[in-house]
Amino acid sequence: MFAAEVLKYLTGTGRLLTDCLLTLDALTMEFRKTTLSRRDDCAVCGSRPSVTTLAITEPETCLMGRGPLSSHG
């Protein structure tokens, strides 16, 4: 589903799922489209957003001793 949205965006064709959530029930193979509305007081998408950058606060994972932050062999 995400790949189809990217292709529509890159080619400028079709209708994007802006402000919508598309879900799939894998048991019944039914799609459901839910319209989302923005909240004016939202910290990300509201009229005065306070979250404007992506910050990674978790340290990198160890990767079983082979990662850059590994303290063992």
N, C-alpha and C. Protein backbone atom coordinates (compact mmCIF):
# COMPACT_ATOMS: atom_id res chain seq x y z
N MET A 1 0.82 -1.19 0.00
CA MET A 1 0.00 0.00 0.00
C MET A 1 0.87 1.25 0.00
N PHE A 2 1.95 1.21 0.79
CA PHE A 2 2.81 2.39 0.86
C PHE A 2 3.51 2.63 -0.48
N ALA A 3 3.91 1.56 -1.13
CA ALA A 3 4.59 1.70 -2.41
C ALA A 3 3.68 2.35 -3.44
N ALA A 4 2.41 2.01 -3.42
CA ALA A 4 1.46 2.61 -4.35
C ALA A 4 1.34 4.12 -4.10
N GLU A 5 1.34 4.52 -2.84
CA GLU A 5 1.27 5.95 -2.51
C GLU A 5 2.51 6.68 -3.00
N VAL A 6 3.67 6.07 -2.85
CA VAL A 6 4.91 6.68 -3.33
C VAL A 6 4.88 6.84 -4.84
N LEU A 7 4.44 5.81 -5.54
CA LEU A 7 4.36 5.89 -7.00
C LEU A 7 3.39 6.97 -7.45
N LYS A 8 2.24 7.07 -6.79
CA LYS A 8 1.28 8.13 -7.14
C LYS A 8 1.89 9.50 -6.89
N TYR A 9 2.61 9.64 -5.78
CA TYR A 9 3.23 10.93 -5.46
C TYR A 9 4.30 11.30 -6.48
N LEU A 10 5.18 10.34 -6.80
CA LEU A 10 6.28 10.61 -7.72
C LEU A 10 5.81 10.90 -9.15
N THR A 11 4.76 10.23 -9.57
CA THR A 11 4.27 10.41 -10.93
C THR A 11 3.22 11.50 -11.04
N GLY A 12 2.72 11.97 -9.91
CA GLY A 12 1.71 13.03 -9.95
C GLY A 12 0.36 12.55 -10.47
N THR A 13 0.10 11.25 -10.34
CA THR A 13 -1.16 10.71 -10.82
C THR A 13 -1.97 10.15 -9.66
N GLY A 14 -3.24 9.97 -9.88
CA GLY A 14 -4.10 9.39 -8.85
C GLY A 14 -4.39 10.36 -7.73
N ARG A 15 -5.07 9.85 -6.74
CA ARG A 15 -5.48 10.65 -5.59
C ARG A 15 -4.76 10.12 -4.35
N LEU A 16 -3.96 10.97 -3.70
CA LEU A 16 -3.21 10.56 -2.52
C LEU A 16 -4.13 10.39 -1.32
N LEU A 17 -3.74 9.56 -0.40
CA LEU A 17 -4.52 9.33 0.82
C LEU A 17 -4.17 10.35 1.90
N THR A 18 -4.17 11.61 1.53
CA THR A 18 -3.86 12.68 2.47
C THR A 18 -4.95 12.76 3.53
N ASP A 19 -4.55 12.84 4.79
CA ASP A 19 -5.48 12.91 5.93
C ASP A 19 -6.39 11.69 6.02
N CYS A 20 -5.90 10.54 5.55
CA CYS A 20 -6.67 9.29 5.62
C CYS A 20 -5.78 8.18 6.17
N LEU A 21 -6.43 7.20 6.75
CA LEU A 21 -5.75 6.00 7.23
C LEU A 21 -6.39 4.81 6.52
N LEU A 22 -5.58 4.05 5.81
CA LEU A 22 -6.07 2.87 5.10
C LEU A 22 -5.61 1.64 5.85
N THR A 23 -6.55 0.82 6.29
CA THR A 23 -6.21 -0.40 7.02
C THR A 23 -6.73 -1.61 6.25
N LEU A 24 -6.08 -2.74 6.49
CA LEU A 24 -6.45 -3.99 5.84
C LEU A 24 -6.72 -5.04 6.89
N ASP A 25 -7.88 -5.66 6.83
CA ASP A 25 -8.19 -6.81 7.67
C ASP A 25 -7.74 -8.04 6.89
N ALA A 26 -6.61 -8.61 7.27
CA ALA A 26 -6.02 -9.71 6.51
C ALA A 26 -6.86 -10.98 6.54
N LEU A 27 -7.70 -11.15 7.55
CA LEU A 27 -8.55 -12.34 7.60
C LEU A 27 -9.66 -12.30 6.57
N THR A 28 -10.26 -11.13 6.39
CA THR A 28 -11.37 -11.00 5.44
C THR A 28 -10.95 -10.35 4.14
N MET A 29 -9.70 -9.86 4.09
CA MET A 29 -9.17 -9.14 2.93
C MET A 29 -10.05 -7.93 2.58
N GLU A 30 -10.49 -7.24 3.60
CA GLU A 30 -11.29 -6.03 3.42
C GLU A 30 -10.47 -4.81 3.82
N PHE A 31 -10.56 -3.77 3.00
CA PHE A 31 -9.90 -2.51 3.29
C PHE A 31 -10.88 -1.58 3.97
N ARG A 32 -10.36 -0.73 4.84
CA ARG A 32 -11.19 0.30 5.47
C ARG A 32 -10.44 1.62 5.38
N LYS A 33 -11.12 2.64 4.89
CA LYS A 33 -10.53 3.97 4.78
C LYS A 33 -11.19 4.88 5.81
N THR A 34 -10.36 5.44 6.68
CA THR A 34 -10.84 6.32 7.74
C THR A 34 -10.27 7.71 7.52
N THR A 35 -11.14 8.71 7.53
CA THR A 35 -10.69 10.09 7.38
C THR A 35 -10.22 10.62 8.73
N LEU A 36 -9.06 11.24 8.72
CA LEU A 36 -8.50 11.82 9.94
C LEU A 36 -8.57 13.33 9.84
N SER A 37 -8.83 13.96 10.95
CA SER A 37 -8.84 15.42 10.96
C SER A 37 -7.74 15.92 11.89
N ARG A 38 -7.15 17.03 11.52
CA ARG A 38 -6.07 17.60 12.31
C ARG A 38 -6.64 18.37 13.48
N ARG A 39 -5.91 18.30 14.59
CA ARG A 39 -6.28 19.08 15.77
C ARG A 39 -5.46 20.35 15.78
N ASP A 40 -6.12 21.46 16.02
CA ASP A 40 -5.43 22.74 16.02
C ASP A 40 -4.36 22.82 17.09
N ASP A 41 -4.53 22.07 18.20
CA ASP A 41 -3.55 22.12 19.29
C ASP A 41 -2.51 21.01 19.22
N CYS A 42 -2.43 20.29 18.10
CA CYS A 42 -1.46 19.20 17.94
C CYS A 42 -0.04 19.76 17.91
N ALA A 43 0.88 19.12 18.64
CA ALA A 43 2.26 19.57 18.71
C ALA A 43 3.02 19.35 17.40
N VAL A 44 2.51 18.47 16.52
CA VAL A 44 3.20 18.18 15.27
C VAL A 44 2.55 18.87 14.08
N CYS A 45 1.24 18.76 13.94
CA CYS A 45 0.58 19.28 12.73
C CYS A 45 -0.38 20.43 13.00
N GLY A 46 -0.45 20.92 14.22
CA GLY A 46 -1.36 22.00 14.55
C GLY A 46 -0.93 23.34 13.98
N SER A 47 -1.66 24.38 14.32
CA SER A 47 -1.37 25.70 13.77
C SER A 47 -0.07 26.29 14.32
N ARG A 48 0.37 25.85 15.50
CA ARG A 48 1.63 26.31 16.08
C ARG A 48 2.42 25.10 16.58
N PRO A 49 3.03 24.34 15.68
CA PRO A 49 3.72 23.12 16.09
C PRO A 49 4.95 23.40 16.94
N SER A 50 5.10 22.62 18.02
CA SER A 50 6.30 22.73 18.86
C SER A 50 7.31 21.64 18.53
N VAL A 51 6.88 20.61 17.84
CA VAL A 51 7.78 19.54 17.39
C VAL A 51 8.06 19.80 15.92
N THR A 52 9.29 20.21 15.61
CA THR A 52 9.62 20.57 14.23
C THR A 52 10.79 19.77 13.67
N THR A 53 11.46 18.97 14.51
CA THR A 53 12.57 18.15 14.04
C THR A 53 12.44 16.75 14.63
N LEU A 54 13.10 15.80 13.99
CA LEU A 54 13.13 14.43 14.47
C LEU A 54 14.38 14.24 15.31
N ALA A 55 14.21 13.84 16.54
CA ALA A 55 15.34 13.61 17.43
C ALA A 55 15.34 12.16 17.87
N ILE A 56 16.44 11.48 17.68
CA ILE A 56 16.58 10.09 18.12
C ILE A 56 17.21 10.12 19.50
N THR A 57 16.45 9.67 20.50
CA THR A 57 16.93 9.75 21.87
C THR A 57 17.39 8.40 22.42
N GLU A 58 17.11 7.31 21.72
CA GLU A 58 17.53 5.99 22.17
C GLU A 58 18.93 5.70 21.65
N PRO A 59 19.79 5.10 22.47
CA PRO A 59 21.13 4.73 21.98
C PRO A 59 21.02 3.61 20.95
N GLU A 60 22.03 3.48 20.14
CA GLU A 60 22.05 2.41 19.15
C GLU A 60 22.04 1.05 19.85
N THR A 61 21.50 0.07 19.19
CA THR A 61 21.45 -1.26 19.79
C THR A 61 22.81 -1.93 19.70
N CYS A 62 23.02 -2.89 20.52
CA CYS A 62 24.31 -3.57 20.63
C CYS A 62 24.62 -4.44 19.43
N LEU A 63 23.64 -5.01 18.78
CA LEU A 63 23.82 -5.94 17.66
C LEU A 63 24.68 -7.13 18.05
N MET A 64 24.42 -7.64 19.25
CA MET A 64 25.08 -8.84 19.76
C MET A 64 26.60 -8.68 19.83
N GLY A 65 27.05 -7.54 20.30
CA GLY A 65 28.48 -7.35 20.51
C GLY A 65 29.23 -6.81 19.31
N ARG A 66 28.54 -6.57 18.19
CA ARG A 66 29.23 -6.11 16.99
C ARG A 66 28.92 -4.66 16.65
N GLY A 67 28.06 -4.01 17.46
CA GLY A 67 27.67 -2.64 17.16
C GLY A 67 28.72 -1.63 17.60
N PRO A 68 28.58 -0.38 17.11
CA PRO A 68 29.57 0.64 17.42
C PRO A 68 29.62 1.02 18.90
N LEU A 69 28.54 0.77 19.63
CA LEU A 69 28.51 1.11 21.05
C LEU A 69 28.72 -0.10 21.95
N SER A 70 29.12 -1.19 21.35
CA SER A 70 29.30 -2.42 22.11
C SER A 70 30.50 -2.33 23.05
N SER A 71 30.31 -2.81 24.27
CA SER A 71 31.43 -2.80 25.22
C SER A 71 32.09 -4.17 25.32
N HIS A 72 31.56 -5.13 24.56
CA HIS A 72 32.15 -6.47 24.58
C HIS A 72 32.46 -6.93 23.17
N GLY A 73 33.61 -7.46 22.98
CA GLY A 73 34.22 -7.99 21.84
C GLY A 73 33.69 -7.89 20.52
